[in-house]
PDB file of N, CA and C in Angstrom:
ATOM      1  N   MET A   1      18.898  12.487  42.375  1.00  0.00           N
ATOM      2  CA  MET A   1      19.432  12.351  41.183  1.00  0.00           C
ATOM      3  C   MET A   1      19.388  13.618  40.813  1.00  0.00           C
ATOM      4  N   LYS A   2      20.905  13.547  39.910  1.00  0.00           N
ATOM      5  CA  LYS A   2      21.238  14.774  39.269  1.00  0.00           C
ATOM      6  C   LYS A   2      20.984  14.999  37.795  1.00  0.00           C
ATOM      7  N   GLY A   3      21.047  15.582  37.604  1.00  0.00           N
ATOM      8  CA  GLY A   3      20.454  16.069  36.096  1.00  0.00           C
ATOM      9  C   GLY A   3      22.012  15.974  35.081  1.00  0.00           C
ATOM     10  N   LEU A   4      21.762  16.678  34.044  1.00  0.00           N
ATOM     11  CA  LEU A   4      22.726  16.110  32.498  1.00  0.00           C
ATOM     12  C   LEU A   4      22.714  17.474  32.229  1.00  0.00           C
ATOM     13  N   THR A   5      23.976  17.925  32.122  1.00  0.00           N
ATOM     14  CA  THR A   5      24.357  19.310  31.748  1.00  0.00           C
ATOM     15  C   THR A   5      25.167  18.990  30.190  1.00  0.00           C
ATOM     16  N   LEU A   6      25.596  19.408  29.129  1.00  0.00           N
ATOM     17  CA  LEU A   6      25.495  19.085  27.841  1.00  0.00           C
ATOM     18  C   LEU A   6      26.180  20.713  27.359  1.00  0.00           C
ATOM     19  N   HIS A   7      27.720  20.546  26.882  1.00  0.00           N
ATOM     20  CA  HIS A   7      28.134  21.813  26.303  1.00  0.00           C
ATOM     21  C   HIS A   7      29.039  21.189  25.014  1.00  0.00           C
ATOM     22  N   GLU A   8      28.659  21.591  24.105  1.00  0.00           N
ATOM     23  CA  GLU A   8      29.213  21.524  22.853  1.00  0.00           C
ATOM     24  C   GLU A   8      30.390  22.545  22.637  1.00  0.00           C
ATOM     25  N   GLN A   9      31.910  22.286  21.975  1.00  0.00           N
ATOM     26  CA  GLN A   9      32.488  23.314  21.685  1.00  0.00           C
ATOM     27  C   GLN A   9      33.750  22.642  20.781  1.00  0.00           C
ATOM     28  N   PRO A  10      33.810  23.803  19.723  1.00  0.00           N
ATOM     29  CA  PRO A  10      34.235  23.335  18.738  1.00  0.00           C
ATOM     30  C   PRO A  10      36.226  23.252  19.121  1.00  0.00           C
ATOM     31  N   LEU A  11      37.187  22.287  18.662  1.00  0.00           N
ATOM     32  CA  LEU A  11      38.513  23.101  18.924  1.00  0.00           C
ATOM     33  C   LEU A  11      38.775  22.921  17.864  1.00  0.00           C
ATOM     34  N   SER A  12      40.138  22.566  17.579  1.00  0.00           N
ATOM     35  CA  SER A  12      40.812  22.639  16.787  1.00  0.00           C
ATOM     36  C   SER A  12      41.089  21.634  15.775  1.00  0.00           C
ATOM     37  N   ASP A  13      41.605  21.452  14.645  1.00  0.00           N
ATOM     38  CA  ASP A  13      42.032  20.353  13.813  1.00  0.00           C
ATOM     39  C   ASP A  13      40.997  19.539  13.531  1.00  0.00           C
ATOM     40  N   GLY A  14      39.476  20.230  13.539  1.00  0.00           N
ATOM     41  CA  GLY A  14      37.967  19.552  13.223  1.00  0.00           C
ATOM     42  C   GLY A  14      37.724  18.920  14.209  1.00  0.00           C
ATOM     43  N   TRP A  15      38.066  18.589  15.501  1.00  0.00           N
ATOM     44  CA  TRP A  15      37.651  18.370  16.465  1.00  0.00           C
ATOM     45  C   TRP A  15      36.520  19.231  17.409  1.00  0.00           C
ATOM     46  N   MET A  16      35.943  18.421  17.804  1.00  0.00           N
ATOM     47  CA  MET A  16      34.541  18.549  18.718  1.00  0.00           C
ATOM     48  C   MET A  16      34.473  18.230  19.941  1.00  0.00           C
ATOM     49  N   SER A  17      34.309  19.447  21.142  1.00  0.00           N
ATOM     50  CA  SER A  17      34.645  18.375  22.526  1.00  0.00           C
ATOM     51  C   SER A  17      32.672  18.823  22.921  1.00  0.00           C
ATOM     52  N   LEU A  18      32.197  17.209  23.417  1.00  0.00           N
ATOM     53  CA  LEU A  18      30.986  18.093  24.198  1.00  0.00           C
ATOM     54  C   LEU A  18      31.329  16.869  25.923  1.00  0.00           C
ATOM     55  N   ALA A  19      31.539  18.228  26.298  1.00  0.00           N
ATOM     56  CA  ALA A  19      31.298  18.254  27.807  1.00  0.00           C
ATOM     57  C   ALA A  19      30.438  17.959  28.222  1.00  0.00           C
ATOM     58  N   VAL A  20      30.295  16.641  29.541  1.00  0.00           N
ATOM     59  CA  VAL A  20      29.360  16.479  30.381  1.00  0.00           C
ATOM     60  C   VAL A  20      29.456  16.692  32.243  1.00  0.00           C
ATOM     61  N   GLU A  21      28.264  17.504  32.208  1.00  0.00           N
ATOM     62  CA  GLU A  21      28.485  17.528  33.621  1.00  0.00           C
ATOM     63  C   GLU A  21      27.372  16.674  34.231  1.00  0.00           C
ATOM     64  N   GLY A  22      27.246  16.490  35.460  1.00  0.00           N
ATOM     65  CA  GLY A  22      26.062  15.519  36.592  1.00  0.00           C
ATOM     66  C   GLY A  22      26.646  13.905  35.937  1.00  0.00           C
ATOM     67  N   GLU A  23      25.236  13.440  36.285  1.00  0.00           N
ATOM     68  CA  GLU A  23      25.269  12.230  36.326  1.00  0.00           C
ATOM     69  C   GLU A  23      24.737  11.467  35.177  1.00  0.00           C
ATOM     70  N   ILE A  24      25.414  10.244  34.115  1.00  0.00           N
ATOM     71  CA  ILE A  24      25.168   9.574  32.957  1.00  0.00           C
ATOM     72  C   ILE A  24      24.585   8.379  33.723  1.00  0.00           C
ATOM     73  N   ASP A  25      23.377   8.019  33.463  1.00  0.00           N
ATOM     74  CA  ASP A  25      22.733   6.802  33.941  1.00  0.00           C
ATOM     75  C   ASP A  25      21.493   6.322  32.974  1.00  0.00           C
ATOM     76  N   LEU A  26      20.642   5.557  33.203  1.00  0.00           N
ATOM     77  CA  LEU A  26      19.772   5.180  32.623  1.00  0.00           C
ATOM     78  C   LEU A  26      18.227   6.849  32.374  1.00  0.00           C
ATOM     79  N   ALA A  27      18.544   7.456  33.391  1.00  0.00           N
ATOM     80  CA  ALA A  27      17.905   8.384  33.239  1.00  0.00           C
ATOM     81  C   ALA A  27      18.050   9.703  32.265  1.00  0.00           C
ATOM     82  N   THR A  28      19.475   9.443  32.212  1.00  0.00           N
ATOM     83  CA  THR A  28      19.721  10.441  31.208  1.00  0.00           C
ATOM     84  C   THR A  28      20.664  10.341  30.163  1.00  0.00           C
ATOM     85  N   VAL A  29      21.266   8.695  30.216  1.00  0.00           N
ATOM     86  CA  VAL A  29      21.985   8.474  28.593  1.00  0.00           C
ATOM     87  C   VAL A  29      21.507   8.854  27.039  1.00  0.00           C
ATOM     88  N   ASP A  30      19.705   8.845  26.905  1.00  0.00           N
ATOM     89  CA  ASP A  30      19.425   9.353  25.961  1.00  0.00           C
ATOM     90  C   ASP A  30      19.673  10.562  25.635  1.00  0.00           C
ATOM     91  N   GLU A  31      19.770  11.693  26.551  1.00  0.00           N
ATOM     92  CA  GLU A  31      19.971  12.494  26.038  1.00  0.00           C
ATOM     93  C   GLU A  31      21.505  13.174  25.543  1.00  0.00           C
ATOM     94  N   LEU A  32      22.628  11.789  26.179  1.00  0.00           N
ATOM     95  CA  LEU A  32      23.906  11.851  25.592  1.00  0.00           C
ATOM     96  C   LEU A  32      24.251  11.581  24.274  1.00  0.00           C
ATOM     97  N   GLN A  33      23.422  10.204  24.086  1.00  0.00           N
ATOM     98  CA  GLN A  33      23.476   9.737  22.509  1.00  0.00           C
ATOM     99  C   GLN A  33      22.399  10.628  21.842  1.00  0.00           C
ATOM    100  N   LYS A  34      21.601  11.598  22.013  1.00  0.00           N
ATOM    101  CA  LYS A  34      21.240  12.349  21.026  1.00  0.00           C
ATOM    102  C   LYS A  34      22.428  13.732  20.955  1.00  0.00           C
ATOM    103  N   ALA A  35      23.161  13.973  21.616  1.00  0.00           N
ATOM    104  CA  ALA A  35      24.105  15.217  21.414  1.00  0.00           C
ATOM    105  C   ALA A  35      25.215  14.342  20.660  1.00  0.00           C
ATOM    106  N   ILE A  36      25.533  13.127  20.951  1.00  0.00           N
ATOM    107  CA  ILE A  36      26.788  12.499  20.174  1.00  0.00           C
ATOM    108  C   ILE A  36      25.900  12.352  18.896  1.00  0.00           C
ATOM    109  N   ASN A  37      24.869  12.023  18.590  1.00  0.00           N
ATOM    110  CA  ASN A  37      24.172  11.797  17.090  1.00  0.00           C
ATOM    111  C   ASN A  37      24.467  13.019  16.225  1.00  0.00           C
ATOM    112  N   GLY A  38      23.774  13.456  16.952  1.00  0.00           N
ATOM    113  CA  GLY A  38      23.596  15.498  16.216  1.00  0.00           C
ATOM    114  C   GLY A  38      25.127  15.821  16.316  1.00  0.00           C
ATOM    115  N   ILE A  39      25.998  15.537  16.811  1.00  0.00           N
ATOM    116  CA  ILE A  39      27.411  16.037  16.391  1.00  0.00           C
ATOM    117  C   ILE A  39      28.120  14.913  15.255  1.00  0.00           C
ATOM    118  N   ALA A  40      27.692  13.607  15.081  1.00  0.00           N
ATOM    119  CA  ALA A  40      27.961  13.436  14.205  1.00  0.00           C
ATOM    120  C   ALA A  40      27.166  13.050  12.651  1.00  0.00           C
ATOM    121  N   ASP A  41      26.111  13.578  13.239  1.00  0.00           N
ATOM    122  CA  ASP A  41      25.412  13.506  11.999  1.00  0.00           C
ATOM    123  C   ASP A  41      24.958  14.996  10.872  1.00  0.00           C
ATOM    124  N   ASN A  42      25.946  16.047  11.769  1.00  0.00           N
ATOM    125  CA  ASN A  42      26.313  17.444  11.182  1.00  0.00           C
ATOM    126  C   ASN A  42      27.512  16.999  10.988  1.00  0.00           C
ATOM    127  N   GLY A  43      28.370  16.295  10.465  1.00  0.00           N
ATOM    128  CA  GLY A  43      29.475  16.486  10.219  1.00  0.00           C
ATOM    129  C   GLY A  43      30.601  16.737  10.737  1.00  0.00           C
ATOM    130  N   GLY A  44      30.040  16.710  12.217  1.00  0.00           N
ATOM    131  CA  GLY A  44      31.258  16.705  13.096  1.00  0.00           C
ATOM    132  C   GLY A  44      32.498  15.374  12.785  1.00  0.00           C
ATOM    133  N   GLN A  45      33.977  16.264  12.440  1.00  0.00           N
ATOM    134  CA  GLN A  45      34.583  15.276  12.575  1.00  0.00           C
ATOM    135  C   GLN A  45      35.569  14.077  13.146  1.00  0.00           C
ATOM    136  N   HIS A  46      35.600  15.019  14.508  1.00  0.00           N
ATOM    137  CA  HIS A  46      36.234  14.086  15.449  1.00  0.00           C
ATOM    138  C   HIS A  46      35.937  14.552  16.604  1.00  0.00           C
ATOM    139  N   LEU A  47      35.792  14.087  17.862  1.00  0.00           N
ATOM    140  CA  LEU A  47      34.738  13.910  18.999  1.00  0.00           C
ATOM    141  C   LEU A  47      35.685  13.357  20.029  1.00  0.00           C
ATOM    142  N   VAL A  48      35.528  14.026  21.248  1.00  0.00           N
ATOM    143  CA  VAL A  48      36.310  14.039  22.567  1.00  0.00           C
ATOM    144  C   VAL A  48      34.968  14.319  23.531  1.00  0.00           C
ATOM    145  N   ILE A  49      34.420  13.062  24.268  1.00  0.00           N
ATOM    146  CA  ILE A  49      33.647  13.367  24.784  1.00  0.00           C
ATOM    147  C   ILE A  49      34.247  13.743  26.505  1.00  0.00           C
ATOM    148  N   ASP A  50      34.124  14.819  26.989  1.00  0.00           N
ATOM    149  CA  ASP A  50      35.376  15.716  28.513  1.00  0.00           C
ATOM    150  C   ASP A  50      34.035  14.591  29.380  1.00  0.00           C
ATOM    151  N   LEU A  51      34.684  13.985  30.159  1.00  0.00           N
ATOM    152  CA  LEU A  51      33.918  13.867  31.288  1.00  0.00           C
ATOM    153  C   LEU A  51      34.488  14.521  32.507  1.00  0.00           C
ATOM    154  N   THR A  52      35.261  14.940  32.404  1.00  0.00           N
ATOM    155  CA  THR A  52      35.992  15.777  33.506  1.00  0.00           C
ATOM    156  C   THR A  52      34.931  16.034  34.740  1.00  0.00           C
ATOM    157  N   GLY A  53      33.876  16.666  34.093  1.00  0.00           N
ATOM    158  CA  GLY A  53      33.012  17.529  35.126  1.00  0.00           C
ATOM    159  C   GLY A  53      31.866  16.380  35.560  1.00  0.00           C
ATOM    160  N   SER A  54      31.753  14.732  35.271  1.00  0.00           N
ATOM    161  CA  SER A  54      30.970  14.097  35.548  1.00  0.00           C
ATOM    162  C   SER A  54      31.188  13.327  36.630  1.00  0.00           C
ATOM    163  N   SER A  55      30.034  13.315  37.581  1.00  0.00           N
ATOM    164  CA  SER A  55      30.223  12.883  38.564  1.00  0.00           C
ATOM    165  C   SER A  55      29.833  11.433  39.252  1.00  0.00           C
ATOM    166  N   PHE A  56      29.317  10.739  37.987  1.00  0.00           N
ATOM    167  CA  PHE A  56      28.620   9.438  38.281  1.00  0.00           C
ATOM    168  C   PHE A  56      28.637   8.689  36.707  1.00  0.00           C
ATOM    169  N   MET A  57      28.797   7.418  36.210  1.00  0.00           N
ATOM    170  CA  MET A  57      28.260   7.054  35.114  1.00  0.00           C
ATOM    171  C   MET A  57      27.998   5.698  35.451  1.00  0.00           C
ATOM    172  N   ASP A  58      27.039   5.065  34.933  1.00  0.00           N
ATOM    173  CA  ASP A  58      26.617   3.377  34.962  1.00  0.00           C
ATOM    174  C   ASP A  58      26.562   2.902  34.106  1.00  0.00           C
ATOM    175  N   SER A  59      26.528   1.721  33.529  1.00  0.00           N
ATOM    176  CA  SER A  59      26.612   1.140  32.298  1.00  0.00           C
ATOM    177  C   SER A  59      26.101   1.033  31.122  1.00  0.00           C
ATOM    178  N   THR A  60      25.492   2.030  31.282  1.00  0.00           N
ATOM    179  CA  THR A  60      24.282   2.593  30.053  1.00  0.00           C
ATOM    180  C   THR A  60      24.908   3.374  29.707  1.00  0.00           C
ATOM    181  N   GLY A  61      25.418   4.490  30.118  1.00  0.00           N
ATOM    182  CA  GLY A  61      26.545   5.415  30.027  1.00  0.00           C
ATOM    183  C   GLY A  61      27.632   4.961  29.322  1.00  0.00           C
ATOM    184  N   LEU A  62      28.694   3.488  29.412  1.00  0.00           N
ATOM    185  CA  LEU A  62      29.440   2.973  28.574  1.00  0.00           C
ATOM    186  C   LEU A  62      29.152   2.228  27.588  1.00  0.00           C
ATOM    187  N   LYS A  63      27.792   2.128  27.792  1.00  0.00           N
ATOM    188  CA  LYS A  63      27.566   1.484  26.299  1.00  0.00           C
ATOM    189  C   LYS A  63      27.649   2.762  25.559  1.00  0.00           C
ATOM    190  N   ALA A  64      26.844   3.528  25.592  1.00  0.00           N
ATOM    191  CA  ALA A  64      26.670   4.700  24.830  1.00  0.00           C
ATOM    192  C   ALA A  64      27.983   5.250  24.016  1.00  0.00           C
ATOM    193  N   LEU A  65      28.927   5.210  25.031  1.00  0.00           N
ATOM    194  CA  LEU A  65      30.751   5.767  24.972  1.00  0.00           C
ATOM    195  C   LEU A  65      31.383   5.035  23.777  1.00  0.00           C
ATOM    196  N   VAL A  66      30.962   3.653  23.829  1.00  0.00           N
ATOM    197  CA  VAL A  66      31.444   2.364  23.423  1.00  0.00           C
ATOM    198  C   VAL A  66      30.592   2.213  21.899  1.00  0.00           C
ATOM    199  N   MET A  67      29.541   2.641  21.861  1.00  0.00           N
ATOM    200  CA  MET A  67      28.416   2.900  20.650  1.00  0.00           C
ATOM    201  C   MET A  67      28.972   3.764  19.526  1.00  0.00           C
ATOM    202  N   ALA A  68      29.326   5.030  20.244  1.00  0.00           N
ATOM    203  CA  ALA A  68      29.941   5.963  19.485  1.00  0.00           C
ATOM    204  C   ALA A  68      31.219   6.314  19.300  1.00  0.00           C
ATOM    205  N   SER A  69      32.254   5.122  20.173  1.00  0.00           N
ATOM    206  CA  SER A  69      33.171   4.866  18.971  1.00  0.00           C
ATOM    207  C   SER A  69      33.512   4.205  18.553  1.00  0.00           C
ATOM    208  N   ARG A  70      32.531   3.090  18.190  1.00  0.00           N
ATOM    209  CA  ARG A  70      32.392   2.454  17.170  1.00  0.00           C
ATOM    210  C   ARG A  70      31.717   2.968  15.765  1.00  0.00           C
ATOM    211  N   ARG A  71      31.155   3.981  15.744  1.00  0.00           N
ATOM    212  CA  ARG A  71      30.369   4.534  15.430  1.00  0.00           C
ATOM    213  C   ARG A  71      31.538   5.495  14.341  1.00  0.00           C
ATOM    214  N   PHE A  72      32.312   5.737  14.959  1.00  0.00           N
ATOM    215  CA  PHE A  72      33.272   6.944  14.604  1.00  0.00           C
ATOM    216  C   PHE A  72      34.490   6.323  14.025  1.00  0.00           C
ATOM    217  N   ASP A  73      34.892   5.504  14.594  1.00  0.00           N
ATOM    218  CA  ASP A  73      35.710   4.637  13.979  1.00  0.00           C
ATOM    219  C   ASP A  73      35.068   3.857  12.811  1.00  0.00           C
ATOM    220  N   GLU A  74      34.260   3.302  12.586  1.00  0.00           N
ATOM    221  CA  GLU A  74      33.535   2.862  11.453  1.00  0.00           C
ATOM    222  C   GLU A  74      33.245   3.899  10.136  1.00  0.00           C
ATOM    223  N   GLU A  75      33.621   5.411  10.421  1.00  0.00           N
ATOM    224  CA  GLU A  75      33.239   6.184   9.588  1.00  0.00           C
ATOM    225  C   GLU A  75      34.556   6.795   9.089  1.00  0.00           C
ATOM    226  N   GLY A  76      36.173   6.109   9.728  1.00  0.00           N
ATOM    227  CA  GLY A  76      36.798   6.630   9.993  1.00  0.00           C
ATOM    228  C   GLY A  76      37.063   7.957  10.433  1.00  0.00           C
ATOM    229  N   ARG A  77      36.528   8.635  11.647  1.00  0.00           N
ATOM    230  CA  ARG A  77      36.763   9.568  12.314  1.00  0.00           C
ATOM    231  C   ARG A  77      37.498   9.112  13.551  1.00  0.00           C
ATOM    232  N   SER A  78      37.676  10.040  14.434  1.00  0.00           N
ATOM    233  CA  SER A  78      39.003   9.844  15.932  1.00  0.00           C
ATOM    234  C   SER A  78      37.602  10.094  16.625  1.00  0.00           C
ATOM    235  N   PHE A  79      37.841   9.639  18.219  1.00  0.00           N
ATOM    236  CA  PHE A  79      37.104   9.410  18.705  1.00  0.00           C
ATOM    237  C   PHE A  79      38.294   9.465  20.485  1.00  0.00           C
ATOM    238  N   ALA A  80      37.437  10.325  21.348  1.00  0.00           N
ATOM    239  CA  ALA A  80      38.145  10.294  22.417  1.00  0.00           C
ATOM    240  C   ALA A  80      37.776  10.049  23.723  1.00  0.00           C
ATOM    241  N   ILE A  81      38.260  10.024  24.815  1.00  0.00           N
ATOM    242  CA  ILE A  81      37.362  10.422  26.150  1.00  0.00           C
ATOM    243  C   ILE A  81      38.180  11.317  26.957  1.00  0.00           C
ATOM    244  N   ALA A  82      38.005  12.367  27.521  1.00  0.00           N
ATOM    245  CA  ALA A  82      38.819  12.913  28.373  1.00  0.00           C
ATOM    246  C   ALA A  82      38.306  12.736  30.079  1.00  0.00           C
ATOM    247  N   VAL A  83      38.756  12.363  30.475  1.00  0.00           N
ATOM    248  CA  VAL A  83      38.274  11.880  32.075  1.00  0.00           C
ATOM    249  C   VAL A  83      39.245  11.879  32.756  1.00  0.00           C
ATOM    250  N   SER A  84      39.571  12.438  33.978  1.00  0.00           N
ATOM    251  CA  SER A  84      40.966  12.443  34.607  1.00  0.00           C
ATOM    252  C   SER A  84      40.498  12.304  36.705  1.00  0.00           C
ATOM    253  N   GLY A  85      40.440  10.799  37.012  1.00  0.00           N
ATOM    254  CA  GLY A  85      40.325  10.527  38.526  1.00  0.00           C
ATOM    255  C   GLY A  85      38.552  10.788  38.508  1.00  0.00           C
ATOM    256  N   GLY A  86      38.510  10.001  40.144  1.00  0.00           N
ATOM    257  CA  GLY A  86      36.965   9.912  40.238  1.00  0.00           C
ATOM    258  C   GLY A  86      36.162   8.857  39.971  1.00  0.00           C
ATOM    259  N   PRO A  87      35.221   8.400  40.082  1.00  0.00           N
ATOM    260  CA  PRO A  87      34.023   7.303  40.017  1.00  0.00           C
ATOM    261  C   PRO A  87      34.484   7.120  38.466  1.00  0.00           C
ATOM    262  N   VAL A  88      34.089   8.088  37.677  1.00  0.00           N
ATOM    263  CA  VAL A  88      33.685   7.698  35.955  1.00  0.00           C
ATOM    264  C   VAL A  88      35.092   7.259  35.261  1.00  0.00           C
ATOM    265  N   SER A  89      36.551   7.597  36.227  1.00  0.00           N
ATOM    266  CA  SER A  89      37.509   7.049  35.465  1.00  0.00           C
ATOM    267  C   SER A  89      37.454   5.630  36.016  1.00  0.00           C
ATOM    268  N   ARG A  90      37.105   5.215  37.369  1.00  0.00           N
ATOM    269  CA  ARG A  90      37.426   4.307  37.948  1.00  0.00           C
ATOM    270  C   ARG A  90      36.497   2.874  36.979  1.00  0.00           C
ATOM    271  N   LEU A  91      35.194   3.491  36.898  1.00  0.00           N
ATOM    272  CA  LEU A  91      34.453   2.742  35.925  1.00  0.00           C
ATOM    273  C   LEU A  91      35.299   2.431  34.515  1.00  0.00           C
ATOM    274  N   ILE A  92      35.536   3.382  33.983  1.00  0.00           N
ATOM    275  CA  ILE A  92      36.604   3.265  32.827  1.00  0.00           C
ATOM    276  C   ILE A  92      37.632   2.306  32.828  1.00  0.00           C
ATOM    277  N   ASP A  93      38.357   2.211  33.781  1.00  0.00           N
ATOM    278  CA  ASP A  93      39.666   1.446  34.908  1.00  0.00           C
ATOM    279  C   ASP A  93      39.103  -0.050  34.223  1.00  0.00           C
ATOM    280  N   LEU A  94      38.107   0.029  35.093  1.00  0.00           N
ATOM    281  CA  LEU A  94      37.544  -1.570  35.750  1.00  0.00           C
ATOM    282  C   LEU A  94      37.042  -2.542  34.496  1.00  0.00           C
ATOM    283  N   SER A  95      36.382  -1.090  33.242  1.00  0.00           N
ATOM    284  CA  SER A  95      35.664  -1.766  32.274  1.00  0.00           C
ATOM    285  C   SER A  95      36.213  -2.702  31.191  1.00  0.00           C
ATOM    286  N   GLY A  96      37.734  -2.080  31.606  1.00  0.00           N
ATOM    287  CA  GLY A  96      38.359  -2.124  29.953  1.00  0.00           C
ATOM    288  C   GLY A  96      38.214  -1.764  28.682  1.00  0.00           C
ATOM    289  N   VAL A  97      37.614  -0.432  28.710  1.00  0.00           N
ATOM    290  CA  VAL A  97      37.019  -0.180  27.862  1.00  0.00           C
ATOM    291  C   VAL A  97      38.128   1.241  27.583  1.00  0.00           C
ATOM    292  N   ASN A  98      39.657   1.544  27.969  1.00  0.00           N
ATOM    293  CA  ASN A  98      40.469   2.156  28.104  1.00  0.00           C
ATOM    294  C   ASN A  98      41.738   1.343  27.142  1.00  0.00           C
ATOM    295  N   THR A  99      41.329   0.238  27.028  1.00  0.00           N
ATOM    296  CA  THR A  99      42.157  -0.531  25.765  1.00  0.00           C
ATOM    297  C   THR A  99      41.531  -0.381  24.310  1.00  0.00           C
ATOM    298  N   SER A 100      39.701  -0.212  24.640  1.00  0.00           N
ATOM    299  CA  SER A 100      39.800   0.246  23.049  1.00  0.00           C
ATOM    300  C   SER A 100      39.488   1.648  22.701  1.00  0.00           C
ATOM    301  N   ILE A 101      39.169   2.194  23.517  1.00  0.00           N
ATOM    302  CA  ILE A 101      39.161   3.956  23.164  1.00  0.00           C
ATOM    303  C   ILE A 101      39.875   4.892  24.068  1.00  0.00           C
ATOM    304  N   ARG A 102      40.303   6.069  23.010  1.00  0.00           N
ATOM    305  CA  ARG A 102      41.753   6.951  23.662  1.00  0.00           C
ATOM    306  C   ARG A 102      40.708   7.335  24.628  1.00  0.00           C
ATOM    307  N   ILE A 103      41.680   7.460  25.596  1.00  0.00           N
ATOM    308  CA  ILE A 103      41.371   8.178  26.927  1.00  0.00           C
ATOM    309  C   ILE A 103      43.051   9.516  27.017  1.00  0.00           C
ATOM    310  N   VAL A 104      42.225  10.432  27.298  1.00  0.00           N
ATOM    311  CA  VAL A 104      42.996  11.346  27.574  1.00  0.00           C
ATOM    312  C   VAL A 104      42.471  12.417  29.089  1.00  0.00           C
ATOM    313  N   ASP A 105      43.345  13.167  29.696  1.00  0.00           N
ATOM    314  CA  ASP A 105      43.554  14.073  30.841  1.00  0.00           C
ATOM    315  C   ASP A 105      42.329  14.767  30.421  1.00  0.00           C
ATOM    316  N   ARG A 106      42.401  15.408  28.985  1.00  0.00           N
ATOM    317  CA  ARG A 106      41.604  16.674  28.850  1.00  0.00           C
ATOM    318  C   ARG A 106      41.754  16.637  27.383  1.00  0.00           C
ATOM    319  N   ALA A 107      40.338  17.318  27.457  1.00  0.00           N
ATOM    320  CA  ALA A 107      39.577  17.690  25.856  1.00  0.00           C
ATOM    321  C   ALA A 107      41.024  17.911  24.881  1.00  0.00           C
ATOM    322  N   GLU A 108      41.507  19.486  25.132  1.00  0.00           N
ATOM    323  CA  GLU A 108      42.382  19.775  23.990  1.00  0.00           C
ATOM    324  C   GLU A 108      43.602  18.655  23.659  1.00  0.00           C
ATOM    325  N   ASP A 109      43.825  17.495  24.801  1.00  0.00           N
ATOM    326  CA  ASP A 109      44.587  16.752  24.796  1.00  0.00           C
ATOM    327  C   ASP A 109      44.530  15.780  23.402  1.00  0.00           C
ATOM    328  N   ALA A 110      43.121  15.690  23.502  1.00  0.00           N
ATOM    329  CA  ALA A 110      42.950  14.710  22.050  1.00  0.00           C
ATOM    330  C   ALA A 110      43.276  15.033  21.009  1.00  0.00           C
ATOM    331  N   VAL A 111      43.547  16.836  20.404  1.00  0.00           N
ATOM    332  CA  VAL A 111      43.666  17.225  19.550  1.00  0.00           C
ATOM    333  C   VAL A 111      44.893  17.283  19.319  1.00  0.00           C
ATOM    334  N   SER A 112      45.684  17.790  20.234  1.00  0.00           N
ATOM    335  CA  SER A 112      47.445  17.787  20.524  1.00  0.00           C
ATOM    336  C   SER A 112      48.483  16.298  20.137  1.00  0.00           C
ATOM    337  N   GLY A 113      47.353  15.153  20.693  1.00  0.00           N
ATOM    338  CA  GLY A 113      47.614  13.820  20.526  1.00  0.00           C
ATOM    339  C   GLY A 113      47.937  13.497  21.847  1.00  0.00           C
ATOM    340  N   ALA A 114      48.221  14.254  23.041  1.00  0.00           N
ATOM    341  CA  ALA A 114      48.850  13.615  24.353  1.00  0.00           C
ATOM    342  C   ALA A 114      47.648  12.933  24.862  1.00  0.00           C
ATOM    343  N   GLY A 115      47.878  12.488  25.968  1.00  0.00           N
ATOM    344  CA  GLY A 115      47.179  11.529  26.194  1.00  0.00           C
ATOM    345  C   GLY A 115      47.470  11.371  27.962  1.00  0.00           C
TER     346      GLY A 115
END
């Protein structure tokens, strides 16, 4: 089992990027949720979760992203997921989450409006 590494980085126009490296599963999802909540609670305007460095995600990680998206939406803030290829992208596609959460190729694309 691999651990999880998280990196917060401010982007432009009120966006914050949370880059996630490693595996998101039952053992690491709490760490991801705490990081997301920390950004949301500390006035992060908009958030993009950068999963391009993630090698695996299970349903607990998917649920955390769906809940975060709902929270940001309810608070009138934007939320996106950056993912391009691999098993994480496949899970997102198969789950249908890509119809309710904005998916971009790179974190920077969330700011620019690219998809």
